[in-house]
Amino acid sequence: MLKGLGSLGDMGKMMKAAQEMQGKMAQMQEDMNSIYVVGESGAGLVKATATAKGELTSLDIDPSIFSQDDKEVVEDLILAAIKDAQKRASERSAEEMAKLTEGLGLPAGMKLPF
């Protein structure tokens, strides 16, 4: 049917590929909410869990660190655990995006809109 239309046939293929990519990206965004990473600080005394999108979902603090004198230390450990979780979430998100773009034949390191 598209024979003889030259580049219009190729355009149809490109549009179909773009629609497939859009669907895969939407699914990946949804999947990022169910992938969890754990950031730690203080040799595991404070743990922060986040989704691969970077949303903090839980915080676990070992009770041994609670002391009135150590308030600043505890605050620093909590902050460090959250930052570690966010960093891991960002790395995991980049890994998932690389898998998606690789499967679509896109160039490595191509930035997509998220």
N, C-alpha and C. Protein backbone atom coordinates (compact mmCIF):
# COMPACT_ATOMS: atom_id res chain seq x y z
N MET A 1 0.81 -1.20 0.00
CA MET A 1 0.00 0.00 0.00
C MET A 1 0.86 1.27 0.00
N LEU A 2 1.94 1.25 0.75
CA LEU A 2 2.82 2.42 0.79
C LEU A 2 3.92 2.34 -0.26
N LYS A 3 3.87 1.31 -1.09
CA LYS A 3 4.89 1.15 -2.12
C LYS A 3 4.84 2.33 -3.08
N GLY A 4 5.99 2.86 -3.39
CA GLY A 4 6.07 3.97 -4.32
C GLY A 4 5.95 5.32 -3.63
N LEU A 5 5.72 5.32 -2.33
CA LEU A 5 5.61 6.59 -1.63
C LEU A 5 6.94 7.05 -1.05
N GLY A 6 7.96 6.26 -1.27
CA GLY A 6 9.31 6.65 -0.84
C GLY A 6 9.42 6.83 0.66
N SER A 7 9.83 8.01 1.08
CA SER A 7 10.11 8.27 2.49
C SER A 7 8.86 8.29 3.36
N LEU A 8 7.68 8.35 2.78
CA LEU A 8 6.45 8.33 3.58
C LEU A 8 6.29 6.98 4.28
N GLY A 9 6.71 5.91 3.61
CA GLY A 9 6.67 4.59 4.24
C GLY A 9 7.59 4.53 5.43
N ASP A 10 8.78 5.11 5.29
CA ASP A 10 9.74 5.17 6.40
C ASP A 10 9.20 6.03 7.53
N MET A 11 8.47 7.08 7.19
CA MET A 11 7.89 7.96 8.21
C MET A 11 6.87 7.19 9.03
N GLY A 12 6.11 6.33 8.38
CA GLY A 12 5.14 5.51 9.10
C GLY A 12 5.82 4.59 10.09
N LYS A 13 6.95 4.01 9.67
CA LYS A 13 7.71 3.15 10.57
C LYS A 13 8.25 3.94 11.75
N MET A 14 8.73 5.16 11.47
CA MET A 14 9.26 6.00 12.53
C MET A 14 8.17 6.38 13.52
N MET A 15 6.99 6.68 13.03
CA MET A 15 5.88 7.05 13.92
C MET A 15 5.49 5.86 14.80
N LYS A 16 5.47 4.68 14.21
CA LYS A 16 5.13 3.49 14.99
C LYS A 16 6.19 3.24 16.06
N ALA A 17 7.47 3.39 15.70
CA ALA A 17 8.56 3.20 16.66
C ALA A 17 8.46 4.25 17.78
N ALA A 18 8.11 5.48 17.44
CA ALA A 18 7.97 6.53 18.44
C ALA A 18 6.83 6.21 19.41
N GLN A 19 5.74 5.68 18.89
CA GLN A 19 4.61 5.30 19.75
C GLN A 19 5.01 4.16 20.69
N GLU A 20 5.75 3.19 20.15
CA GLU A 20 6.21 2.08 20.99
C GLU A 20 7.14 2.59 22.08
N MET A 21 8.03 3.50 21.73
CA MET A 21 8.96 4.06 22.71
C MET A 21 8.20 4.82 23.79
N GLN A 22 7.20 5.57 23.39
CA GLN A 22 6.40 6.33 24.35
C GLN A 22 5.72 5.37 25.33
N GLY A 23 5.20 4.26 24.83
CA GLY A 23 4.57 3.27 25.69
C GLY A 23 5.58 2.64 26.65
N LYS A 24 6.76 2.33 26.14
CA LYS A 24 7.80 1.73 26.99
C LYS A 24 8.28 2.72 28.05
N MET A 25 8.39 3.99 27.69
CA MET A 25 8.82 4.99 28.66
C MET A 25 7.77 5.17 29.76
N ALA A 26 6.50 5.15 29.37
CA ALA A 26 5.43 5.27 30.37
C ALA A 26 5.47 4.08 31.32
N GLN A 27 5.69 2.89 30.78
CA GLN A 27 5.77 1.69 31.62
C GLN A 27 6.98 1.78 32.55
N MET A 28 8.10 2.27 32.03
CA MET A 28 9.30 2.38 32.85
C MET A 28 9.07 3.36 33.99
N GLN A 29 8.41 4.48 33.71
CA GLN A 29 8.09 5.45 34.76
C GLN A 29 7.26 4.80 35.86
N GLU A 30 6.30 4.00 35.45
CA GLU A 30 5.47 3.29 36.42
C GLU A 30 6.30 2.27 37.21
N ASP A 31 7.19 1.58 36.52
CA ASP A 31 8.04 0.58 37.18
C ASP A 31 8.98 1.22 38.20
N MET A 32 9.40 2.45 37.96
CA MET A 32 10.32 3.13 38.87
C MET A 32 9.72 3.28 40.28
N ASN A 33 8.40 3.27 40.35
CA ASN A 33 7.75 3.37 41.66
C ASN A 33 7.81 2.07 42.45
N SER A 34 8.14 0.97 41.78
CA SER A 34 8.19 -0.31 42.48
C SER A 34 9.63 -0.84 42.64
N ILE A 35 10.60 -0.07 42.20
CA ILE A 35 12.01 -0.43 42.39
C ILE A 35 12.51 0.36 43.59
N TYR A 36 13.05 -0.35 44.58
CA TYR A 36 13.51 0.30 45.80
C TYR A 36 15.02 0.20 45.95
N VAL A 37 15.60 1.25 46.50
CA VAL A 37 17.03 1.28 46.83
C VAL A 37 17.14 1.69 48.30
N VAL A 38 18.23 1.25 48.94
CA VAL A 38 18.46 1.58 50.35
C VAL A 38 19.77 2.33 50.47
N GLY A 39 19.72 3.50 51.06
CA GLY A 39 20.92 4.27 51.36
C GLY A 39 21.26 4.09 52.83
N GLU A 40 22.56 4.08 53.13
CA GLU A 40 22.99 3.84 54.51
C GLU A 40 24.01 4.88 54.94
N SER A 41 24.09 5.05 56.25
CA SER A 41 25.16 5.85 56.83
C SER A 41 25.47 5.28 58.20
N GLY A 42 26.62 5.67 58.75
CA GLY A 42 27.01 5.18 60.07
C GLY A 42 27.14 3.67 60.11
N ALA A 43 27.72 3.09 59.07
CA ALA A 43 27.90 1.63 58.98
C ALA A 43 26.58 0.89 59.16
N GLY A 44 25.52 1.43 58.58
CA GLY A 44 24.22 0.77 58.62
C GLY A 44 23.35 1.14 59.81
N LEU A 45 23.79 2.06 60.64
CA LEU A 45 22.99 2.48 61.79
C LEU A 45 21.74 3.26 61.37
N VAL A 46 21.84 3.96 60.24
CA VAL A 46 20.70 4.68 59.69
C VAL A 46 20.53 4.24 58.24
N LYS A 47 19.30 3.83 57.90
CA LYS A 47 19.00 3.37 56.55
C LYS A 47 17.78 4.12 56.02
N ALA A 48 17.89 4.62 54.81
CA ALA A 48 16.79 5.31 54.15
C ALA A 48 16.43 4.51 52.90
N THR A 49 15.15 4.22 52.73
CA THR A 49 14.68 3.50 51.56
C THR A 49 13.90 4.46 50.67
N ALA A 50 14.17 4.39 49.37
CA ALA A 50 13.51 5.28 48.40
C ALA A 50 13.16 4.48 47.15
N THR A 51 12.20 5.00 46.39
CA THR A 51 11.92 4.41 45.09
C THR A 51 13.01 4.86 44.12
N ALA A 52 13.07 4.23 42.96
CA ALA A 52 14.06 4.62 41.95
C ALA A 52 13.79 6.02 41.42
N LYS A 53 12.60 6.55 41.70
CA LYS A 53 12.29 7.93 41.33
C LYS A 53 12.80 8.90 42.38
N GLY A 54 13.31 8.39 43.50
CA GLY A 54 13.88 9.24 44.54
C GLY A 54 12.93 9.59 45.67
N GLU A 55 11.74 9.00 45.67
CA GLU A 55 10.78 9.29 46.73
C GLU A 55 11.13 8.48 47.97
N LEU A 56 11.38 9.16 49.08
CA LEU A 56 11.73 8.50 50.33
C LEU A 56 10.50 7.76 50.86
N THR A 57 10.66 6.46 51.15
CA THR A 57 9.52 5.67 51.61
C THR A 57 9.65 5.20 53.05
N SER A 58 10.87 5.06 53.56
CA SER A 58 11.02 4.67 54.95
C SER A 58 12.40 5.05 55.47
N LEU A 59 12.48 5.10 56.79
CA LEU A 59 13.71 5.44 57.48
C LEU A 59 13.84 4.49 58.65
N ASP A 60 15.00 3.85 58.79
CA ASP A 60 15.24 2.90 59.87
C ASP A 60 16.46 3.38 60.65
N ILE A 61 16.26 3.58 61.96
CA ILE A 61 17.33 4.09 62.80
C ILE A 61 17.58 3.09 63.92
N ASP A 62 18.83 2.64 64.03
CA ASP A 62 19.20 1.72 65.10
C ASP A 62 19.08 2.47 66.43
N PRO A 63 18.36 1.89 67.40
CA PRO A 63 18.15 2.59 68.67
C PRO A 63 19.43 2.87 69.46
N SER A 64 20.51 2.20 69.14
CA SER A 64 21.75 2.39 69.89
C SER A 64 22.34 3.79 69.70
N ILE A 65 21.89 4.52 68.69
CA ILE A 65 22.48 5.84 68.46
C ILE A 65 21.75 6.96 69.19
N PHE A 66 20.67 6.65 69.88
CA PHE A 66 19.92 7.69 70.57
C PHE A 66 20.55 8.06 71.90
N SER A 67 21.02 9.27 71.94
CA SER A 67 21.60 9.85 73.15
C SER A 67 21.47 11.35 73.01
N GLN A 68 21.10 12.01 74.05
CA GLN A 68 20.91 13.45 74.01
C GLN A 68 22.17 14.17 73.52
N ASP A 69 23.31 13.66 73.89
CA ASP A 69 24.58 14.30 73.52
C ASP A 69 24.90 14.15 72.03
N ASP A 70 24.28 13.16 71.39
CA ASP A 70 24.61 12.85 70.00
C ASP A 70 23.57 13.36 69.01
N LYS A 71 22.76 14.32 69.39
CA LYS A 71 21.69 14.82 68.52
C LYS A 71 22.22 15.24 67.15
N GLU A 72 23.28 16.02 67.12
CA GLU A 72 23.83 16.48 65.84
C GLU A 72 24.36 15.33 65.01
N VAL A 73 24.99 14.36 65.66
CA VAL A 73 25.53 13.19 64.95
C VAL A 73 24.38 12.42 64.31
N VAL A 74 23.29 12.22 65.06
CA VAL A 74 22.13 11.49 64.52
C VAL A 74 21.53 12.25 63.35
N GLU A 75 21.40 13.54 63.45
CA GLU A 75 20.86 14.34 62.35
C GLU A 75 21.75 14.22 61.11
N ASP A 76 23.06 14.26 61.31
CA ASP A 76 23.99 14.12 60.19
C ASP A 76 23.88 12.74 59.54
N LEU A 77 23.74 11.71 60.37
CA LEU A 77 23.61 10.35 59.84
C LEU A 77 22.32 10.19 59.04
N ILE A 78 21.24 10.77 59.53
CA ILE A 78 19.97 10.70 58.81
C ILE A 78 20.09 11.40 57.46
N LEU A 79 20.64 12.59 57.47
CA LEU A 79 20.83 13.33 56.23
C LEU A 79 21.72 12.56 55.25
N ALA A 80 22.79 11.96 55.74
CA ALA A 80 23.70 11.20 54.89
C ALA A 80 22.99 9.98 54.29
N ALA A 81 22.16 9.31 55.07
CA ALA A 81 21.43 8.13 54.57
C ALA A 81 20.45 8.54 53.48
N ILE A 82 19.76 9.65 53.69
CA ILE A 82 18.80 10.13 52.68
C ILE A 82 19.53 10.50 51.39
N LYS A 83 20.64 11.21 51.51
CA LYS A 83 21.41 11.57 50.31
C LYS A 83 21.93 10.34 49.59
N ASP A 84 22.35 9.32 50.34
CA ASP A 84 22.83 8.08 49.74
C ASP A 84 21.69 7.38 49.00
N ALA A 85 20.51 7.36 49.60
CA ALA A 85 19.35 6.73 48.95
C ALA A 85 18.99 7.47 47.67
N GLN A 86 19.01 8.80 47.70
CA GLN A 86 18.69 9.58 46.52
C GLN A 86 19.72 9.36 45.41
N LYS A 87 21.00 9.26 45.78
CA LYS A 87 22.06 9.00 44.81
C LYS A 87 21.86 7.63 44.17
N ARG A 88 21.55 6.63 45.00
CA ARG A 88 21.33 5.28 44.47
C ARG A 88 20.09 5.23 43.59
N ALA A 89 19.07 5.98 43.96
CA ALA A 89 17.86 6.03 43.14
C ALA A 89 18.17 6.63 41.77
N SER A 90 18.96 7.69 41.75
CA SER A 90 19.34 8.32 40.50
C SER A 90 20.15 7.36 39.62
N GLU A 91 21.08 6.65 40.24
CA GLU A 91 21.89 5.68 39.50
C GLU A 91 21.03 4.56 38.95
N ARG A 92 20.09 4.06 39.76
CA ARG A 92 19.23 2.96 39.31
C ARG A 92 18.32 3.42 38.18
N SER A 93 17.82 4.64 38.30
CA SER A 93 16.98 5.20 37.24
C SER A 93 17.77 5.29 35.94
N ALA A 94 19.02 5.73 36.03
CA ALA A 94 19.87 5.83 34.83
C ALA A 94 20.13 4.45 34.23
N GLU A 95 20.32 3.44 35.09
CA GLU A 95 20.52 2.07 34.60
C GLU A 95 19.29 1.58 33.84
N GLU A 96 18.11 1.82 34.41
CA GLU A 96 16.87 1.39 33.76
C GLU A 96 16.67 2.12 32.44
N MET A 97 16.99 3.40 32.40
CA MET A 97 16.85 4.18 31.18
C MET A 97 17.83 3.66 30.12
N ALA A 98 19.03 3.30 30.54
CA ALA A 98 20.01 2.76 29.59
C ALA A 98 19.51 1.46 28.98
N LYS A 99 18.88 0.62 29.80
CA LYS A 99 18.32 -0.64 29.28
C LYS A 99 17.26 -0.34 28.23
N LEU A 100 16.41 0.65 28.51
CA LEU A 100 15.33 1.00 27.59
C LEU A 100 15.89 1.54 26.28
N THR A 101 16.81 2.49 26.36
CA THR A 101 17.33 3.10 25.14
C THR A 101 18.16 2.10 24.33
N GLU A 102 18.85 1.20 25.03
CA GLU A 102 19.64 0.18 24.34
C GLU A 102 18.72 -0.74 23.54
N GLY A 103 17.60 -1.12 24.14
CA GLY A 103 16.64 -2.00 23.48
C GLY A 103 15.96 -1.35 22.30
N LEU A 104 15.93 -0.03 22.28
CA LEU A 104 15.30 0.70 21.18
C LEU A 104 16.28 1.10 20.10
N GLY A 105 17.56 0.79 20.33
CA GLY A 105 18.58 1.12 19.34
C GLY A 105 18.98 2.59 19.35
N LEU A 106 18.71 3.28 20.46
CA LEU A 106 19.10 4.68 20.56
C LEU A 106 20.55 4.77 20.99
N PRO A 107 21.22 5.88 20.69
CA PRO A 107 22.61 6.03 21.08
C PRO A 107 22.78 6.02 22.59
N ALA A 108 23.86 5.44 23.07
CA ALA A 108 24.15 5.41 24.50
C ALA A 108 24.30 6.83 25.02
N GLY A 109 23.76 7.07 26.20
CA GLY A 109 23.86 8.38 26.83
C GLY A 109 22.87 9.40 26.33
N MET A 110 21.96 9.00 25.45
CA MET A 110 20.96 9.94 24.95
C MET A 110 20.04 10.33 26.09
N LYS A 111 19.86 11.62 26.28
CA LYS A 111 18.99 12.13 27.35
C LYS A 111 17.56 12.15 26.86
N LEU A 112 16.68 11.52 27.66
CA LEU A 112 15.27 11.54 27.33
C LEU A 112 14.56 12.42 28.36
N PRO A 113 13.32 12.77 28.09
CA PRO A 113 12.65 13.80 28.91
C PRO A 113 12.23 13.38 30.30
N PHE A 114 13.14 12.88 31.16
CA PHE A 114 12.88 12.67 32.57
C PHE A 114 14.07 12.23 33.30
